[in-house]
Protein backbone atom coordinates (compact mmCIF):
# COMPACT_ATOMS: atom_id res chain seq x y z
CA MET A 1 95.16 136.73 102.39
CA THR A 2 97.22 134.04 100.40
CA LEU A 3 97.78 133.83 96.98
CA GLU A 4 96.17 130.42 96.79
CA ARG A 5 93.25 131.08 98.72
CA SER A 6 93.00 134.24 96.38
CA ILE A 7 92.98 131.52 93.68
CA ARG A 8 90.55 129.61 95.27
CA LEU A 9 87.98 132.55 96.24
CA LEU A 10 88.36 133.58 92.07
CA ALA A 11 87.50 129.99 90.70
CA GLY A 12 84.82 129.51 93.09
CA SER A 13 83.19 132.58 92.48
CA PHE A 14 83.59 132.57 88.90
CA VAL A 15 81.78 128.97 89.01
CA LEU A 16 78.81 130.55 91.42
CA VAL A 17 78.94 133.26 88.57
CA SER A 18 78.54 130.77 85.90
CA LEU A 19 75.38 129.05 87.41
CA ALA A 20 73.78 132.58 88.11
CA LEU A 21 73.93 133.12 84.40
CA TYR A 22 72.76 129.70 83.45
CA GLN A 23 69.96 130.17 85.46
CA PHE A 24 69.05 133.57 85.07
CA VAL A 25 70.31 134.69 81.55
CA SER A 26 71.14 131.73 79.29
CA PRO A 27 72.27 127.59 78.89
CA TRP A 28 75.60 129.18 77.77
CA GLY A 29 76.27 130.67 80.89
CA LEU A 30 77.56 127.32 81.90
CA LEU A 31 80.94 127.76 79.39
CA LEU A 32 82.30 129.82 81.77
CA ALA A 33 82.34 126.83 84.71
CA GLY A 34 83.73 124.63 81.85
CA PHE A 35 86.47 126.80 81.33
CA VAL A 36 87.34 127.01 85.13
CA GLY A 37 87.13 123.62 85.47
CA LEU A 38 89.60 122.83 82.48
CA ASN A 39 92.18 125.47 83.35
CA LEU A 40 92.43 123.79 87.21
CA VAL A 41 92.75 120.68 85.66
CA GLN A 42 95.64 122.23 82.94
CA SER A 43 97.05 124.15 85.76
CA SER A 44 97.31 121.13 87.98
CA PHE A 45 99.53 119.01 85.07
CA THR A 46 101.38 122.17 83.88
CA GLY A 47 101.66 124.21 87.09
CA PHE A 48 101.20 127.26 85.23
CA CYS A 49 97.68 128.94 86.27
CA PRO A 50 97.04 132.29 84.55
CA ALA A 51 95.11 133.37 87.31
CA GLU A 52 98.16 133.28 89.58
CA THR A 53 100.03 135.52 87.17
CA ILE A 54 97.38 138.13 86.78
CA LEU A 55 97.23 138.21 91.03
CA ARG A 56 100.67 138.40 91.44
CA ARG A 57 100.96 141.03 89.23
CA LEU A 58 98.15 142.97 91.09
CA GLY A 59 100.30 142.36 94.18
CA VAL A 60 98.01 139.53 95.80
CA GLY A 61 99.75 137.56 98.44
CA ALA A 62 102.73 140.20 98.27
CA ARG A 63 104.12 139.99 101.96
CA ARG A 64 104.01 142.84 103.90
CA PRO A 65 107.07 144.56 106.51
CA ARG A 66 106.06 143.08 109.93
CA HIS A 67 104.90 146.23 111.44
CA GLU A 68 102.29 146.85 108.60
CA ALA A 69 100.78 143.16 108.67
CA ARG A 70 98.88 143.74 111.34
CA ALA A 71 97.42 147.09 110.38
């Protein structure tokens, strides 16, 4: 999975978790969705995305040698 797709998956998952928290736990759960949204907006202007930094350090999106890519 590419880094860009991983970031989209992470952001979407956080928004869905936020909506579930809002529905079943507390209205304060929407703060998580707001934080994700603000982070997406700031990263579009600055080019800095904390999730990208973390996922890169975890090895997401790292290229593998060709013979390992299809395993």
